[in-house]
C-alpha atoms as a PDB file:
ATOM      1  CA  MET A   1     -15.969  -7.686 -22.063  1.00  0.00           C
ATOM      2  CA  ASN A   2     -17.188 -10.416 -24.378  1.00  0.00           C
ATOM      3  CA  LEU A   3     -14.470 -11.396 -26.853  1.00  0.00           C
ATOM      4  CA  ILE A   4     -16.820 -13.553 -28.951  1.00  0.00           C
ATOM      5  CA  LYS A   5     -18.962 -11.501 -31.301  1.00  0.00           C
ATOM      6  CA  ASP A   6     -22.276 -12.549 -32.820  1.00  0.00           C
ATOM      7  CA  ILE A   7     -22.065 -11.957 -36.571  1.00  0.00           C
ATOM      8  CA  SER A   8     -24.924 -11.177 -38.928  1.00  0.00           C
ATOM      9  CA  THR A   9     -25.109 -11.343 -42.706  1.00  0.00           C
ATOM     10  CA  ASP A  10     -24.836  -7.571 -43.097  1.00  0.00           C
ATOM     11  CA  VAL A  11     -21.382  -7.374 -41.439  1.00  0.00           C
ATOM     12  CA  PHE A  12     -20.036 -10.787 -42.479  1.00  0.00           C
ATOM     13  CA  GLU A  13     -17.831  -9.617 -45.365  1.00  0.00           C
ATOM     14  CA  ASP A  14     -16.151  -6.868 -43.330  1.00  0.00           C
ATOM     15  CA  GLU A  15     -15.864  -8.745 -40.031  1.00  0.00           C
ATOM     16  CA  VAL A  16     -14.902 -12.164 -41.388  1.00  0.00           C
ATOM     17  CA  MET A  17     -13.832 -12.291 -45.020  1.00  0.00           C
ATOM     18  CA  ARG A  18     -11.761  -9.072 -44.899  1.00  0.00           C
ATOM     19  CA  SER A  19     -10.327  -9.651 -41.433  1.00  0.00           C
ATOM     20  CA  PRO A  20      -6.560  -9.140 -41.227  1.00  0.00           C
ATOM     21  CA  ILE A  21      -6.346 -12.029 -38.739  1.00  0.00           C
ATOM     22  CA  PRO A  22      -7.793 -15.569 -38.897  1.00  0.00           C
ATOM     23  CA  VAL A  23     -11.467 -15.862 -37.945  1.00  0.00           C
ATOM     24  CA  PHE A  24     -12.831 -18.972 -36.243  1.00  0.00           C
ATOM     25  CA  ILE A  25     -16.593 -19.209 -36.778  1.00  0.00           C
ATOM     26  CA  ASP A  26     -18.849 -21.165 -34.445  1.00  0.00           C
ATOM     27  CA  PHE A  27     -22.031 -22.034 -36.341  1.00  0.00           C
ATOM     28  CA  HIS A  28     -24.515 -22.822 -33.575  1.00  0.00           C
ATOM     29  CA  ALA A  29     -28.188 -22.867 -32.595  1.00  0.00           C
ATOM     30  CA  THR A  30     -29.806 -21.698 -29.371  1.00  0.00           C
ATOM     31  CA  TRP A  31     -31.398 -25.129 -28.822  1.00  0.00           C
ATOM     32  CA  CYS A  32     -28.102 -27.041 -29.263  1.00  0.00           C
ATOM     33  CA  GLY A  33     -26.852 -28.543 -25.982  1.00  0.00           C
ATOM     34  CA  PRO A  34     -23.296 -29.279 -27.206  1.00  0.00           C
ATOM     35  CA  CYS A  35     -23.092 -25.705 -28.559  1.00  0.00           C
ATOM     36  CA  LYS A  36     -23.841 -24.376 -25.084  1.00  0.00           C
ATOM     37  CA  ALA A  37     -21.430 -26.814 -23.465  1.00  0.00           C
ATOM     38  CA  ILE A  38     -18.425 -25.601 -25.473  1.00  0.00           C
ATOM     39  CA  MET A  39     -18.974 -21.876 -24.789  1.00  0.00           C
ATOM     40  CA  PRO A  40     -16.677 -21.733 -21.728  1.00  0.00           C
ATOM     41  CA  MET A  41     -13.881 -23.303 -23.796  1.00  0.00           C
ATOM     42  CA  LEU A  42     -14.469 -20.890 -26.685  1.00  0.00           C
ATOM     43  CA  GLU A  43     -14.346 -17.959 -24.282  1.00  0.00           C
ATOM     44  CA  ASP A  44     -11.063 -19.268 -22.855  1.00  0.00           C
ATOM     45  CA  VAL A  45      -9.593 -19.648 -26.345  1.00  0.00           C
ATOM     46  CA  ALA A  46     -10.799 -16.147 -27.279  1.00  0.00           C
ATOM     47  CA  ARG A  47      -8.928 -14.727 -24.259  1.00  0.00           C
ATOM     48  CA  GLU A  48      -5.764 -16.711 -25.009  1.00  0.00           C
ATOM     49  CA  TYR A  49      -5.627 -15.718 -28.681  1.00  0.00           C
ATOM     50  CA  GLU A  50      -6.993 -12.180 -28.337  1.00  0.00           C
ATOM     51  CA  GLY A  51      -5.572 -10.017 -31.117  1.00  0.00           C
ATOM     52  CA  GLU A  52      -4.259 -13.059 -33.006  1.00  0.00           C
ATOM     53  CA  VAL A  53      -7.481 -14.905 -33.891  1.00  0.00           C
ATOM     54  CA  ARG A  54     -11.035 -13.570 -33.890  1.00  0.00           C
ATOM     55  CA  ILE A  55     -13.740 -15.943 -32.672  1.00  0.00           C
ATOM     56  CA  VAL A  56     -17.287 -15.244 -33.841  1.00  0.00           C
ATOM     57  CA  LYS A  57     -20.637 -16.975 -33.525  1.00  0.00           C
ATOM     58  CA  ILE A  58     -23.332 -17.344 -36.154  1.00  0.00           C
ATOM     59  CA  ASP A  59     -26.786 -18.563 -35.145  1.00  0.00           C
ATOM     60  CA  ILE A  60     -27.964 -20.743 -38.037  1.00  0.00           C
ATOM     61  CA  GLU A  61     -31.615 -19.927 -37.392  1.00  0.00           C
ATOM     62  CA  ALA A  62     -31.084 -16.156 -37.162  1.00  0.00           C
ATOM     63  CA  GLU A  63     -28.732 -16.131 -40.172  1.00  0.00           C
ATOM     64  CA  PRO A  64     -30.006 -18.845 -42.564  1.00  0.00           C
ATOM     65  CA  GLU A  65     -28.310 -17.192 -45.555  1.00  0.00           C
ATOM     66  CA  LEU A  66     -24.871 -17.708 -43.996  1.00  0.00           C
ATOM     67  CA  ALA A  67     -25.743 -21.252 -42.910  1.00  0.00           C
ATOM     68  CA  THR A  68     -26.763 -22.043 -46.496  1.00  0.00           C
ATOM     69  CA  ARG A  69     -23.710 -20.314 -47.974  1.00  0.00           C
ATOM     70  CA  PHE A  70     -21.452 -22.559 -45.899  1.00  0.00           C
ATOM     71  CA  GLY A  71     -23.601 -25.695 -46.261  1.00  0.00           C
ATOM     72  CA  ILE A  72     -24.058 -26.087 -42.515  1.00  0.00           C
ATOM     73  CA  ARG A  73     -26.031 -29.270 -41.846  1.00  0.00           C
ATOM     74  CA  ALA A  74     -25.169 -29.926 -38.195  1.00  0.00           C
ATOM     75  CA  VAL A  75     -24.187 -27.871 -35.179  1.00  0.00           C
ATOM     76  CA  PRO A  76     -21.778 -27.157 -33.804  1.00  0.00           C
ATOM     77  CA  THR A  77     -19.751 -26.725 -36.976  1.00  0.00           C
ATOM     78  CA  PHE A  78     -16.652 -24.574 -36.995  1.00  0.00           C
ATOM     79  CA  VAL A  79     -15.126 -22.855 -39.999  1.00  0.00           C
ATOM     80  CA  LEU A  80     -11.720 -21.207 -39.980  1.00  0.00           C
ATOM     81  CA  ILE A  81     -11.372 -18.351 -42.468  1.00  0.00           C
ATOM     82  CA  HIS A  82      -7.891 -17.025 -43.171  1.00  0.00           C
ATOM     83  CA  LYS A  83      -7.079 -14.396 -45.787  1.00  0.00           C
ATOM     84  CA  GLY A  84     -10.654 -14.588 -47.063  1.00  0.00           C
ATOM     85  CA  GLU A  85     -10.609 -18.352 -47.667  1.00  0.00           C
ATOM     86  CA  GLU A  86     -12.005 -21.332 -45.793  1.00  0.00           C
ATOM     87  CA  LYS A  87      -9.087 -23.323 -44.391  1.00  0.00           C
ATOM     88  CA  GLU A  88     -10.568 -25.763 -41.864  1.00  0.00           C
ATOM     89  CA  ARG A  89     -14.024 -27.163 -41.029  1.00  0.00           C
ATOM     90  CA  PRO A  90     -14.116 -29.297 -37.876  1.00  0.00           C
ATOM     91  CA  ARG A  91     -17.550 -30.521 -36.740  1.00  0.00           C
ATOM     92  CA  GLY A  92     -18.855 -31.506 -33.348  1.00  0.00           C
ATOM     93  CA  ILE A  93     -17.289 -30.865 -29.999  1.00  0.00           C
ATOM     94  CA  LEU A  94     -13.583 -30.086 -30.104  1.00  0.00           C
ATOM     95  CA  THR A  95     -11.220 -30.506 -27.190  1.00  0.00           C
ATOM     96  CA  ARG A  96      -9.276 -27.497 -26.007  1.00  0.00           C
ATOM     97  CA  GLY A  97      -6.111 -29.096 -27.370  1.00  0.00           C
ATOM     98  CA  ASN A  98      -7.663 -29.762 -30.793  1.00  0.00           C
ATOM     99  CA  MET A  99      -8.815 -26.182 -31.050  1.00  0.00           C
ATOM    100  CA  SER A 100      -5.442 -24.734 -30.040  1.00  0.00           C
ATOM    101  CA  ALA A 101      -3.559 -26.997 -32.456  1.00  0.00           C
ATOM    102  CA  LEU A 102      -5.851 -25.984 -35.298  1.00  0.00           C
ATOM    103  CA  LEU A 103      -5.509 -22.255 -34.580  1.00  0.00           C
ATOM    104  CA  GLU A 104      -1.755 -22.318 -33.989  1.00  0.00           C
ATOM    105  CA  GLY A 105      -1.160 -23.259 -37.621  1.00  0.00           C
ATOM    106  CA  TYR A 106      -2.691 -19.988 -38.800  1.00  0.00           C
ATOM    107  CA  LEU A 107      -1.109 -17.482 -36.460  1.00  0.00           C
ATOM    108  CA  GLU A 108       1.389 -14.911 -37.662  1.00  0.00           C
ATOM    109  CA  GLY A 109       3.974 -16.688 -39.774  1.00  0.00           C
ATOM    110  CA  GLY A 110       1.700 -19.731 -40.250  1.00  0.00           C
ATOM    111  CA  GLN A 111      -0.208 -20.721 -43.352  1.00  0.00           C
END
């Protein structure tokens, strides 16, 4: 089962902005080498935080409205949404430790 869901504009509000748990968005492109390289790490993080954090992907070419809404100018760019608000926006390749540290701050009882 794939724990990372591709999100489109038509489900964005329900799946991301109204999510009861933090949502970590991976803005990516199919042609982006670094985006492909981090997928195994994202899948690992999705397994570790299953039920606590939702990880979703948004293809900037397939969903240009969302890319524009968030001002995405480079990929990969990550956006953490918690309680309907943008909380974090790391860019580029993250280490596994960086990603875990970022997410840990928003788990139950966090910010």
